[in-house]
Amino acid sequence: MKTILFTLLLMSLQPAFSQIHNDEEAIRRARKTSNEAIARQDVDGVCSFFLEDYVVIRGSGSIEIGKEANRASWKKLFMETPKTRFERFPTEITISRN
């Protein structure tokens, strides 16, 4: 009986694990697409992931609020430093279920 209950418990958890894996893969694909847009200096491609109320807080402490403010920053960055190149690779992705 314990074996049957344990097996049922494991079977019920499988969809949750599968969804977490799918979410993580989607995040990794989005990051790759974003990196490719940066490499092409494609501002629209970079900003396609941002919501209208997207907020950036930089290491310097400066804050930008909104998709359009961020779009303007990317345009300025690419105009002022056309050799800009960087890629972002997540070392860990944590999916919140709350």
N, C-alpha and C. Protein backbone atom coordinates (compact mmCIF):
# COMPACT_ATOMS: atom_id res chain seq x y z
N MET A 1 0.83 -1.20 0.00
CA MET A 1 0.00 0.00 0.00
C MET A 1 0.87 1.27 0.00
N LYS A 2 1.95 1.24 0.81
CA LYS A 2 2.84 2.40 0.85
C LYS A 2 3.49 2.63 -0.51
N THR A 3 3.83 1.56 -1.18
CA THR A 3 4.46 1.67 -2.50
C THR A 3 3.49 2.31 -3.49
N ILE A 4 2.24 1.93 -3.43
CA ILE A 4 1.24 2.49 -4.34
C ILE A 4 1.05 3.98 -4.06
N LEU A 5 0.96 4.37 -2.80
CA LEU A 5 0.80 5.78 -2.45
C LEU A 5 2.02 6.60 -2.88
N PHE A 6 3.19 6.06 -2.65
CA PHE A 6 4.41 6.74 -3.06
C PHE A 6 4.46 6.92 -4.58
N THR A 7 4.10 5.90 -5.31
CA THR A 7 4.07 5.96 -6.77
C THR A 7 3.07 7.00 -7.25
N LEU A 8 1.90 7.03 -6.63
CA LEU A 8 0.90 8.03 -7.00
C LEU A 8 1.39 9.45 -6.70
N LEU A 9 2.08 9.60 -5.59
CA LEU A 9 2.64 10.91 -5.24
C LEU A 9 3.65 11.35 -6.29
N LEU A 10 4.55 10.48 -6.65
CA LEU A 10 5.54 10.81 -7.68
C LEU A 10 4.89 11.14 -9.01
N MET A 11 3.88 10.40 -9.39
CA MET A 11 3.18 10.65 -10.65
C MET A 11 2.49 12.01 -10.62
N SER A 12 1.97 12.40 -9.48
CA SER A 12 1.27 13.68 -9.38
C SER A 12 2.25 14.86 -9.45
N LEU A 13 3.51 14.64 -9.09
CA LEU A 13 4.50 15.72 -9.11
C LEU A 13 5.12 15.92 -10.49
N GLN A 14 5.05 14.94 -11.34
CA GLN A 14 5.69 15.01 -12.65
C GLN A 14 5.25 16.22 -13.47
N PRO A 15 3.96 16.55 -13.57
CA PRO A 15 3.58 17.73 -14.36
C PRO A 15 4.19 19.02 -13.83
N ALA A 16 4.32 19.15 -12.52
CA ALA A 16 4.93 20.36 -11.95
C ALA A 16 6.39 20.47 -12.35
N PHE A 17 7.13 19.37 -12.28
CA PHE A 17 8.53 19.38 -12.69
C PHE A 17 8.65 19.68 -14.18
N SER A 18 7.76 19.13 -14.97
CA SER A 18 7.78 19.36 -16.41
C SER A 18 7.54 20.84 -16.72
N GLN A 19 6.60 21.46 -16.03
CA GLN A 19 6.30 22.87 -16.25
C GLN A 19 7.48 23.75 -15.87
N ILE A 20 8.14 23.43 -14.76
CA ILE A 20 9.32 24.20 -14.35
C ILE A 20 10.39 24.11 -15.43
N HIS A 21 10.62 22.92 -15.96
CA HIS A 21 11.61 22.74 -17.02
C HIS A 21 11.23 23.56 -18.25
N ASN A 22 9.96 23.53 -18.64
CA ASN A 22 9.50 24.30 -19.80
C ASN A 22 9.68 25.79 -19.58
N ASP A 23 9.37 26.28 -18.37
CA ASP A 23 9.54 27.70 -18.06
C ASP A 23 11.01 28.10 -18.13
N GLU A 24 11.87 27.25 -17.58
CA GLU A 24 13.30 27.55 -17.60
C GLU A 24 13.82 27.60 -19.03
N GLU A 25 13.40 26.68 -19.85
CA GLU A 25 13.83 26.68 -21.25
C GLU A 25 13.33 27.94 -21.97
N ALA A 26 12.11 28.36 -21.68
CA ALA A 26 11.57 29.58 -22.30
C ALA A 26 12.39 30.80 -21.90
N ILE A 27 12.79 30.85 -20.65
CA ILE A 27 13.62 31.97 -20.17
C ILE A 27 14.98 31.95 -20.85
N ARG A 28 15.58 30.78 -20.97
CA ARG A 28 16.89 30.68 -21.63
C ARG A 28 16.79 31.08 -23.12
N ARG A 29 15.71 30.68 -23.79
CA ARG A 29 15.52 31.07 -25.20
C ARG A 29 15.34 32.59 -25.32
N ALA A 30 14.57 33.17 -24.39
CA ALA A 30 14.34 34.63 -24.42
C ALA A 30 15.65 35.38 -24.20
N ARG A 31 16.47 34.90 -23.28
CA ARG A 31 17.77 35.54 -23.03
C ARG A 31 18.65 35.44 -24.27
N LYS A 32 18.66 34.29 -24.93
CA LYS A 32 19.46 34.12 -26.14
C LYS A 32 18.99 35.07 -27.23
N THR A 33 17.69 35.18 -27.41
CA THR A 33 17.12 36.09 -28.41
C THR A 33 17.47 37.54 -28.08
N SER A 34 17.40 37.88 -26.81
CA SER A 34 17.76 39.23 -26.37
C SER A 34 19.24 39.52 -26.65
N ASN A 35 20.11 38.56 -26.34
CA ASN A 35 21.54 38.72 -26.61
C ASN A 35 21.79 38.93 -28.10
N GLU A 36 21.08 38.18 -28.93
CA GLU A 36 21.23 38.32 -30.39
C GLU A 36 20.78 39.71 -30.85
N ALA A 37 19.72 40.23 -30.26
CA ALA A 37 19.25 41.58 -30.61
C ALA A 37 20.28 42.63 -30.21
N ILE A 38 20.91 42.45 -29.05
CA ILE A 38 21.96 43.38 -28.62
C ILE A 38 23.11 43.34 -29.62
N ALA A 39 23.51 42.15 -30.03
CA ALA A 39 24.62 42.01 -30.97
C ALA A 39 24.32 42.72 -32.29
N ARG A 40 23.05 42.71 -32.71
CA ARG A 40 22.64 43.38 -33.96
C ARG A 40 22.34 44.87 -33.73
N GLN A 41 22.38 45.30 -32.47
CA GLN A 41 21.98 46.65 -32.08
C GLN A 41 20.54 46.94 -32.52
N ASP A 42 19.71 45.95 -32.34
CA ASP A 42 18.29 46.00 -32.69
C ASP A 42 17.49 46.43 -31.46
N VAL A 43 17.27 47.73 -31.34
CA VAL A 43 16.60 48.28 -30.15
C VAL A 43 15.20 47.68 -29.99
N ASP A 44 14.45 47.58 -31.06
CA ASP A 44 13.10 47.00 -30.96
C ASP A 44 13.16 45.56 -30.48
N GLY A 45 14.15 44.81 -30.98
CA GLY A 45 14.31 43.42 -30.54
C GLY A 45 14.65 43.32 -29.06
N VAL A 46 15.54 44.20 -28.59
CA VAL A 46 15.90 44.21 -27.17
C VAL A 46 14.68 44.55 -26.33
N CYS A 47 13.94 45.54 -26.76
CA CYS A 47 12.81 46.04 -25.95
C CYS A 47 11.55 45.20 -26.10
N SER A 48 11.55 44.25 -27.00
CA SER A 48 10.33 43.45 -27.22
C SER A 48 9.94 42.63 -26.00
N PHE A 49 10.87 42.43 -25.09
CA PHE A 49 10.58 41.64 -23.89
C PHE A 49 10.07 42.50 -22.73
N PHE A 50 10.17 43.82 -22.85
CA PHE A 50 9.81 44.71 -21.75
C PHE A 50 8.31 44.98 -21.70
N LEU A 51 7.77 45.04 -20.50
CA LEU A 51 6.40 45.50 -20.30
C LEU A 51 6.41 47.02 -20.29
N GLU A 52 5.26 47.63 -20.45
CA GLU A 52 5.18 49.10 -20.48
C GLU A 52 5.71 49.73 -19.19
N ASP A 53 5.56 49.04 -18.06
CA ASP A 53 6.01 49.59 -16.78
C ASP A 53 7.32 48.97 -16.30
N TYR A 54 8.11 48.47 -17.24
CA TYR A 54 9.40 47.84 -16.97
C TYR A 54 10.30 48.82 -16.21
N VAL A 55 11.00 48.34 -15.18
CA VAL A 55 11.87 49.17 -14.36
C VAL A 55 13.28 48.59 -14.38
N VAL A 56 14.27 49.46 -14.59
CA VAL A 56 15.67 49.07 -14.52
C VAL A 56 16.32 49.85 -13.40
N ILE A 57 17.01 49.14 -12.52
CA ILE A 57 17.82 49.77 -11.49
C ILE A 57 19.25 49.33 -11.76
N ARG A 58 20.07 50.27 -12.15
CA ARG A 58 21.46 49.95 -12.51
C ARG A 58 22.34 49.87 -11.27
N GLY A 59 23.51 49.30 -11.45
CA GLY A 59 24.49 49.20 -10.36
C GLY A 59 24.87 50.56 -9.82
N SER A 60 24.78 51.59 -10.67
CA SER A 60 25.11 52.96 -10.24
C SER A 60 24.01 53.56 -9.38
N GLY A 61 22.86 52.88 -9.32
CA GLY A 61 21.73 53.39 -8.54
C GLY A 61 20.72 54.16 -9.37
N SER A 62 21.04 54.43 -10.64
CA SER A 62 20.08 55.15 -11.48
C SER A 62 18.89 54.24 -11.79
N ILE A 63 17.74 54.87 -11.95
CA ILE A 63 16.50 54.13 -12.18
C ILE A 63 15.83 54.66 -13.43
N GLU A 64 15.36 53.74 -14.26
CA GLU A 64 14.54 54.10 -15.41
C GLU A 64 13.24 53.34 -15.32
N ILE A 65 12.16 54.06 -15.55
CA ILE A 65 10.84 53.45 -15.46
C ILE A 65 10.15 53.55 -16.81
N GLY A 66 9.70 52.42 -17.30
CA GLY A 66 8.92 52.39 -18.52
C GLY A 66 9.69 51.91 -19.73
N LYS A 67 8.97 51.26 -20.59
CA LYS A 67 9.55 50.69 -21.81
C LYS A 67 10.16 51.77 -22.70
N GLU A 68 9.48 52.91 -22.84
CA GLU A 68 9.98 53.96 -23.73
C GLU A 68 11.26 54.59 -23.19
N ALA A 69 11.37 54.77 -21.88
CA ALA A 69 12.61 55.30 -21.30
C ALA A 69 13.76 54.34 -21.56
N ASN A 70 13.50 53.06 -21.43
CA ASN A 70 14.53 52.06 -21.68
C ASN A 70 14.89 51.99 -23.16
N ARG A 71 13.90 52.14 -24.02
CA ARG A 71 14.15 52.16 -25.46
C ARG A 71 15.10 53.32 -25.79
N ALA A 72 14.84 54.48 -25.22
CA ALA A 72 15.69 55.66 -25.46
C ALA A 72 17.12 55.41 -24.97
N SER A 73 17.27 54.73 -23.85
CA SER A 73 18.61 54.43 -23.32
C SER A 73 19.38 53.49 -24.24
N TRP A 74 18.70 52.46 -24.76
CA TRP A 74 19.37 51.54 -25.68
C TRP A 74 19.80 52.28 -26.95
N LYS A 75 18.91 53.13 -27.49
CA LYS A 75 19.27 53.89 -28.69
C LYS A 75 20.49 54.76 -28.44
N LYS A 76 20.48 55.45 -27.30
CA LYS A 76 21.60 56.33 -26.94
C LYS A 76 22.89 55.51 -26.79
N LEU A 77 22.82 54.38 -26.11
CA LEU A 77 23.99 53.53 -25.92
C LEU A 77 24.58 53.11 -27.26
N PHE A 78 23.74 52.64 -28.17
CA PHE A 78 24.24 52.18 -29.46
C PHE A 78 24.77 53.33 -30.32
N MET A 79 24.18 54.51 -30.20
CA MET A 79 24.66 55.67 -30.97
C MET A 79 25.99 56.16 -30.42
N GLU A 80 26.10 56.25 -29.09
CA GLU A 80 27.31 56.81 -28.47
C GLU A 80 28.47 55.82 -28.44
N THR A 81 28.17 54.54 -28.35
CA THR A 81 29.22 53.52 -28.30
C THR A 81 28.84 52.38 -29.25
N PRO A 82 29.02 52.62 -30.55
CA PRO A 82 28.56 51.64 -31.54
C PRO A 82 29.26 50.29 -31.47
N LYS A 83 30.38 50.20 -30.79
CA LYS A 83 31.07 48.92 -30.66
C LYS A 83 30.62 48.15 -29.42
N THR A 84 29.54 48.58 -28.81
CA THR A 84 29.03 47.91 -27.62
C THR A 84 28.71 46.46 -27.93
N ARG A 85 29.26 45.57 -27.13
CA ARG A 85 28.99 44.14 -27.26
C ARG A 85 28.97 43.54 -25.86
N PHE A 86 27.95 42.83 -25.54
CA PHE A 86 27.92 42.04 -24.33
C PHE A 86 26.83 41.01 -24.43
N GLU A 87 27.00 39.96 -23.67
CA GLU A 87 26.01 38.89 -23.61
C GLU A 87 25.75 38.59 -22.14
N ARG A 88 24.53 38.20 -21.86
CA ARG A 88 24.15 37.85 -20.49
C ARG A 88 23.75 36.40 -20.47
N PHE A 89 24.37 35.64 -19.59
CA PHE A 89 24.10 34.22 -19.45
C PHE A 89 23.68 33.92 -18.02
N PRO A 90 22.45 33.49 -17.81
CA PRO A 90 22.04 33.16 -16.43
C PRO A 90 22.78 31.92 -15.93
N THR A 91 23.27 32.02 -14.71
CA THR A 91 23.90 30.85 -14.09
C THR A 91 22.88 30.03 -13.32
N GLU A 92 21.78 30.69 -12.97
CA GLU A 92 20.73 30.00 -12.22
C GLU A 92 19.40 30.66 -12.55
N ILE A 93 18.38 29.85 -12.71
CA ILE A 93 17.02 30.35 -12.93
C ILE A 93 16.15 29.71 -11.88
N THR A 94 15.44 30.56 -11.14
CA THR A 94 14.54 30.08 -10.11
C THR A 94 13.11 30.45 -10.51
N ILE A 95 12.27 29.47 -10.62
CA ILE A 95 10.87 29.69 -11.00
C ILE A 95 10.03 29.80 -9.74
N SER A 96 9.40 30.92 -9.56
CA SER A 96 8.54 31.12 -8.39
C SER A 96 7.15 30.60 -8.69
N ARG A 97 6.57 29.91 -7.79
CA ARG A 97 5.21 29.39 -7.95
C ARG A 97 4.22 30.17 -7.08
N ASN A 98 4.63 31.30 -6.58
CA ASN A 98 3.73 32.11 -5.73
C ASN A 98 2.96 33.10 -6.54
